[in-house]
Amino acid sequence: MIYITNPDSPIEKVPLPWSIGRIRIPHPDSLISPTTTPIKPDTSNEPIISFHSVTKIYTLESGNVTGIEEVTFDIYPGEFIAVMGPSGSGKSTLLDMMGCLDVPNNGDIWITGQNTRMMSDNQLTDLRLHTIGFIFQYFNLFPLFSALKNVQYPYVVRTGRSGDNKRAEEALTSVGLESKFWHHRPNQLSGGQQQRVAIARALVNDPPIILCDEPTGNLDTKTGKAIMDLLSYLSKHEGRTVVMVTHDPRTAEYADRIIRIVDGRVENGVS
């Protein structure tokens, strides 16, 4: 039986007999000493995310503001990347560009081999639905939806199958949320439980790319570690590309590489 400790209930372990897509979450001990060989990032093939001299300028009444400037880097399938920098340095702009939530003024961004600057709004939406999962610091759950319906929503948008709960149930089970919480609304859940719902929502469409904006910023240390172990597993053992914005050096230690950004520019390359 596969299971993961529920940090919101220190003694209880949640059984995980299911999988969703490629996801098979192991016992937490095996996250430290995995019984399966970790998947190494594939740097021999084409990058899954590629920025070429990307600049984003926001036009405001008070004048132009540069979000990022002449940014160039590649991210390969299966890599776990941390994006670090001071407040206002361009980290959120970088994540928006990766997530196809915005397009650059200059330069090119390639996501799974597709140039986002050349795509229509509908094409960008389709790319997001099939390719990218988002995890936010403040969870961004629909307050009137249950946990199950929050997870189900992007799957319904992609497939049109509103009566099919199985995929959402599998996703919630895979991240260790007990079924007794599935019909609770977000305000009836702890912070750790809400973030598990958010991760399940990000995974429900089985995307190859997971983008995280301070995923442990609102969590206690113990719960944050459990969430980071889960994200690390998705990268190391499921081959997903995880890109995470963080201010926390301890959280960044989970990453394979760090992109440091200052004043909109990548500083001293990528470490």
Protein backbone atom coordinates (compact mmCIF):
# COMPACT_ATOMS: atom_id res chain seq x y z
CA MET A 1 0.00 0.00 0.00
CA ILE A 2 1.32 3.46 -0.94
CA TYR A 3 0.70 6.22 1.59
CA ILE A 4 1.89 9.63 2.68
CA THR A 5 1.80 11.20 6.12
CA ASN A 6 -0.86 13.86 6.54
CA PRO A 7 0.89 16.81 8.29
CA ASP A 8 -2.47 18.08 9.54
CA SER A 9 -2.88 14.87 11.53
CA PRO A 10 0.53 13.83 12.93
CA ILE A 11 -0.35 10.23 13.71
CA GLU A 12 -2.54 9.45 10.78
CA LYS A 13 -1.33 8.11 7.46
CA VAL A 14 -3.51 8.39 4.39
CA PRO A 15 -3.61 5.32 2.12
CA LEU A 16 -2.89 5.97 -1.53
CA PRO A 17 -4.07 2.99 -3.56
CA TRP A 18 -4.68 5.16 -6.63
CA SER A 19 -2.62 6.95 -9.20
CA ILE A 20 -3.41 9.84 -11.53
CA GLY A 21 -1.74 9.77 -14.91
CA ARG A 22 1.91 9.15 -14.10
CA ILE A 23 1.64 10.13 -10.41
CA ARG A 24 2.43 7.48 -7.81
CA ILE A 25 3.29 9.14 -4.51
CA PRO A 26 5.45 7.02 -2.18
CA HIS A 27 5.85 6.73 1.58
CA PRO A 28 7.66 9.86 2.89
CA ASP A 29 10.66 7.75 3.99
CA SER A 30 11.26 6.77 0.38
CA LEU A 31 11.37 10.45 -0.55
CA ILE A 32 14.57 10.58 1.53
CA SER A 33 15.91 7.18 0.46
CA PRO A 34 13.92 6.42 -2.68
CA THR A 35 13.55 2.80 -3.67
CA THR A 36 13.24 3.80 -7.31
CA THR A 37 15.99 5.48 -9.29
CA PRO A 38 15.37 9.24 -9.69
CA ILE A 39 14.84 10.45 -13.24
CA LYS A 40 17.65 12.77 -14.31
CA PRO A 41 16.67 15.93 -16.20
CA ASP A 42 16.95 15.34 -19.93
CA THR A 43 19.36 18.01 -21.19
CA SER A 44 20.12 16.11 -24.39
CA ASN A 45 16.81 17.04 -26.02
CA GLU A 46 15.15 20.37 -26.77
CA PRO A 47 14.35 22.61 -23.78
CA ILE A 48 10.76 22.45 -22.53
CA ILE A 49 10.93 26.19 -21.70
CA SER A 50 13.24 28.57 -23.55
CA PHE A 51 13.60 32.36 -23.19
CA HIS A 52 15.48 34.21 -25.95
CA SER A 53 16.28 37.89 -25.20
CA VAL A 54 12.88 38.41 -23.57
CA THR A 55 11.81 41.91 -22.50
CA LYS A 56 8.49 42.89 -20.94
CA ILE A 57 7.60 46.57 -20.46
CA TYR A 58 4.40 47.68 -18.75
CA THR A 59 2.89 50.98 -19.89
CA LEU A 60 1.44 52.92 -16.95
CA GLU A 61 0.09 56.47 -16.59
CA SER A 62 3.19 57.36 -14.58
CA GLY A 63 5.48 55.99 -17.28
CA ASN A 64 6.92 52.72 -18.57
CA VAL A 65 8.02 50.06 -16.10
CA THR A 66 10.37 47.26 -17.15
CA GLY A 67 9.36 43.89 -15.76
CA ILE A 68 12.19 41.84 -17.25
CA GLU A 69 14.89 42.83 -19.73
CA GLU A 70 16.91 40.78 -22.23
CA VAL A 71 16.37 37.52 -20.31
CA THR A 72 17.77 34.35 -21.87
CA PHE A 73 17.83 30.81 -20.43
CA ASP A 74 16.72 27.23 -21.12
CA ILE A 75 14.89 24.78 -18.84
CA TYR A 76 14.90 21.09 -19.69
CA PRO A 77 12.30 18.35 -19.13
CA GLY A 78 12.35 17.06 -15.55
CA GLU A 79 14.34 19.94 -14.07
CA PHE A 80 13.41 21.50 -10.73
CA ILE A 81 14.22 25.22 -10.99
CA ALA A 82 14.07 27.84 -8.23
CA VAL A 83 13.67 31.50 -9.23
CA MET A 84 15.08 33.85 -6.59
CA GLY A 85 15.52 37.59 -6.24
CA PRO A 86 14.44 40.58 -4.15
CA SER A 87 10.90 41.97 -4.21
CA GLY A 88 10.18 43.80 -7.44
CA SER A 89 13.04 42.11 -9.29
CA GLY A 90 10.83 40.54 -11.98
CA LYS A 91 10.16 37.06 -10.56
CA SER A 92 6.37 37.31 -10.95
CA THR A 93 6.72 38.69 -14.49
CA LEU A 94 9.01 35.76 -15.34
CA LEU A 95 6.44 33.28 -14.01
CA ASP A 96 3.61 35.02 -15.90
CA MET A 97 5.59 34.71 -19.12
CA MET A 98 6.28 31.01 -18.52
CA GLY A 99 2.63 30.42 -17.70
CA CYS A 100 1.40 32.08 -20.92
CA LEU A 101 -0.51 34.63 -18.82
CA ASP A 102 1.28 37.42 -20.69
CA VAL A 103 3.46 37.81 -23.77
CA PRO A 104 6.75 39.73 -24.18
CA ASN A 105 7.22 43.01 -26.00
CA ASN A 106 10.48 41.74 -27.47
CA GLY A 107 12.20 38.38 -27.71
CA ASP A 108 10.73 34.89 -27.92
CA ILE A 109 9.46 32.34 -25.41
CA TRP A 110 9.20 28.73 -26.48
CA ILE A 111 7.01 26.35 -24.42
CA THR A 112 7.14 22.71 -25.53
CA GLY A 113 8.47 23.89 -28.87
CA GLN A 114 5.78 26.54 -29.45
CA ASN A 115 6.53 30.25 -29.72
CA THR A 116 4.01 31.95 -27.38
CA ARG A 117 4.51 35.40 -28.90
CA MET A 118 3.01 34.12 -32.15
CA MET A 119 -0.06 32.54 -30.53
CA SER A 120 -3.60 33.89 -30.21
CA ASP A 121 -5.37 34.18 -26.84
CA ASN A 122 -7.29 30.99 -27.57
CA GLN A 123 -4.11 29.13 -28.45
CA LEU A 124 -2.44 30.35 -25.25
CA THR A 125 -5.43 29.19 -23.21
CA ASP A 126 -5.27 25.78 -24.86
CA LEU A 127 -1.53 25.55 -24.17
CA ARG A 128 -2.10 26.37 -20.49
CA LEU A 129 -4.87 23.82 -20.10
CA HIS A 130 -2.85 20.96 -21.58
CA THR A 131 0.70 21.81 -20.57
CA ILE A 132 0.90 23.89 -17.38
CA GLY A 133 -0.29 23.48 -13.80
CA PHE A 134 -0.24 26.47 -11.41
CA ILE A 135 0.33 26.45 -7.63
CA PHE A 136 -0.03 29.74 -5.76
CA GLN A 137 1.07 31.04 -2.34
CA TYR A 138 -2.50 32.04 -1.44
CA PHE A 139 -4.02 28.88 -2.97
CA ASN A 140 -6.50 30.82 -5.22
CA LEU A 141 -9.30 28.34 -4.58
CA PHE A 142 -12.90 29.19 -5.42
CA PRO A 143 -14.39 29.99 -1.98
CA LEU A 144 -17.87 28.61 -2.73
CA PHE A 145 -16.62 25.39 -4.36
CA SER A 146 -15.81 22.24 -2.44
CA ALA A 147 -12.28 20.84 -2.58
CA LEU A 148 -13.49 18.29 -5.14
CA LYS A 149 -15.11 20.91 -7.38
CA ASN A 150 -12.02 23.15 -7.18
CA VAL A 151 -9.87 20.30 -8.47
CA GLN A 152 -12.46 19.24 -11.04
CA TYR A 153 -12.81 22.72 -12.57
CA PRO A 154 -9.76 22.81 -14.92
CA TYR A 155 -10.53 19.24 -16.02
CA VAL A 156 -14.10 20.26 -16.91
CA VAL A 157 -12.83 23.32 -18.79
CA ARG A 158 -10.47 21.12 -20.81
CA THR A 159 -12.79 18.16 -21.48
CA GLY A 160 -16.35 19.45 -21.01
CA ARG A 161 -17.14 16.40 -18.81
CA SER A 162 -18.79 18.03 -15.79
CA GLY A 163 -20.21 14.83 -14.30
CA ASP A 164 -16.90 12.93 -14.20
CA ASN A 165 -15.47 13.09 -10.65
CA LYS A 166 -13.02 10.21 -10.93
CA ARG A 167 -10.05 12.23 -12.16
CA ALA A 168 -10.44 14.86 -9.42
CA GLU A 169 -10.88 12.16 -6.77
CA GLU A 170 -7.68 10.44 -7.93
CA ALA A 171 -5.80 13.74 -7.83
CA LEU A 172 -6.96 14.50 -4.26
CA THR A 173 -6.07 10.99 -3.14
CA SER A 174 -2.63 11.23 -4.75
CA VAL A 175 -1.72 14.32 -2.69
CA GLY A 176 -2.89 12.75 0.58
CA LEU A 177 -6.15 14.58 1.28
CA GLU A 178 -8.63 12.28 3.04
CA SER A 179 -11.98 11.79 1.34
CA LYS A 180 -13.85 13.17 4.36
CA PHE A 181 -12.48 16.61 3.41
CA TRP A 182 -13.36 16.48 -0.28
CA HIS A 183 -16.72 18.20 0.15
CA HIS A 184 -15.39 20.90 2.48
CA ARG A 185 -15.08 24.46 1.22
CA PRO A 186 -11.66 26.17 1.47
CA ASN A 187 -12.56 28.08 4.68
CA GLN A 188 -13.22 24.72 6.34
CA LEU A 189 -9.71 23.44 5.55
CA SER A 190 -6.31 24.14 7.11
CA GLY A 191 -3.58 25.90 5.13
CA GLY A 192 -1.82 22.61 4.42
CA GLN A 193 -5.04 21.00 3.25
CA GLN A 194 -5.81 23.97 0.98
CA GLN A 195 -2.36 23.74 -0.60
CA ARG A 196 -2.87 20.00 -1.21
CA VAL A 197 -6.13 20.87 -2.99
CA ALA A 198 -4.23 23.47 -5.03
CA ILE A 199 -1.57 20.92 -5.99
CA ALA A 200 -4.24 18.37 -6.94
CA ARG A 201 -5.89 21.03 -9.12
CA ALA A 202 -2.52 21.70 -10.81
CA LEU A 203 -2.09 17.97 -11.52
CA VAL A 204 -5.59 17.03 -12.64
CA ASN A 205 -4.87 17.62 -16.35
CA ASP A 206 -1.54 15.75 -16.08
CA PRO A 207 0.66 18.67 -17.24
CA PRO A 208 4.40 18.25 -17.89
CA ILE A 209 5.12 21.71 -16.37
CA ILE A 210 4.28 22.84 -12.82
CA LEU A 211 4.71 26.54 -11.95
CA CYS A 212 4.77 27.45 -8.25
CA ASP A 213 4.61 30.93 -6.73
CA GLU A 214 5.92 30.71 -3.13
CA PRO A 215 4.14 27.35 -2.56
CA THR A 216 5.13 27.17 1.13
CA GLY A 217 4.88 30.89 1.93
CA ASN A 218 1.69 30.52 4.00
CA LEU A 219 2.50 27.17 5.62
CA ASP A 220 4.21 26.12 8.83
CA THR A 221 7.63 24.46 8.60
CA LYS A 222 6.39 20.87 8.91
CA THR A 223 3.61 21.25 6.37
CA GLY A 224 5.91 23.20 4.04
CA LYS A 225 8.45 20.37 4.08
CA ALA A 226 5.72 17.84 3.19
CA ILE A 227 4.63 20.02 0.25
CA MET A 228 8.24 20.43 -0.95
CA ASP A 229 8.83 16.66 -0.69
CA LEU A 230 5.77 16.16 -2.87
CA LEU A 231 6.94 18.69 -5.49
CA SER A 232 10.43 17.16 -5.45
CA TYR A 233 8.96 13.72 -6.06
CA LEU A 234 6.97 14.98 -9.04
CA SER A 235 10.21 16.22 -10.59
CA LYS A 236 12.67 13.53 -9.55
CA HIS A 237 10.46 10.47 -10.05
CA GLU A 238 7.71 11.55 -12.44
CA GLY A 239 9.86 13.64 -14.77
CA ARG A 240 7.76 16.78 -14.48
CA THR A 241 9.39 20.18 -14.89
CA VAL A 242 8.88 22.25 -11.73
CA VAL A 243 9.63 25.99 -11.68
CA MET A 244 9.25 27.64 -8.28
CA VAL A 245 9.52 31.27 -7.20
CA THR A 246 10.78 31.49 -3.62
CA HIS A 247 12.48 33.82 -1.14
CA ASP A 248 13.47 30.94 1.15
CA PRO A 249 17.01 29.55 0.66
CA ARG A 250 16.00 26.30 2.43
CA THR A 251 13.18 25.77 -0.04
CA ALA A 252 15.53 26.56 -2.94
CA GLU A 253 17.78 23.68 -1.84
CA TYR A 254 15.26 21.29 -3.39
CA ALA A 255 16.01 22.72 -6.84
CA ASP A 256 18.50 21.40 -9.41
CA ARG A 257 19.38 24.95 -10.44
CA ILE A 258 18.62 28.52 -9.37
CA ILE A 259 17.75 31.41 -11.67
CA ARG A 260 18.68 34.62 -9.84
CA ILE A 261 17.00 37.76 -11.10
CA VAL A 262 17.78 41.36 -10.06
CA ASP A 263 16.23 44.50 -11.57
CA GLY A 264 14.64 42.44 -14.33
CA ARG A 265 17.82 40.77 -15.47
CA VAL A 266 19.20 37.31 -14.83
CA GLU A 267 22.24 37.85 -12.62
CA ASN A 268 25.48 36.06 -13.48
CA GLY A 269 23.71 33.45 -15.58
CA VAL A 270 21.92 30.48 -14.06
CA SER A 271 23.51 28.63 -11.14
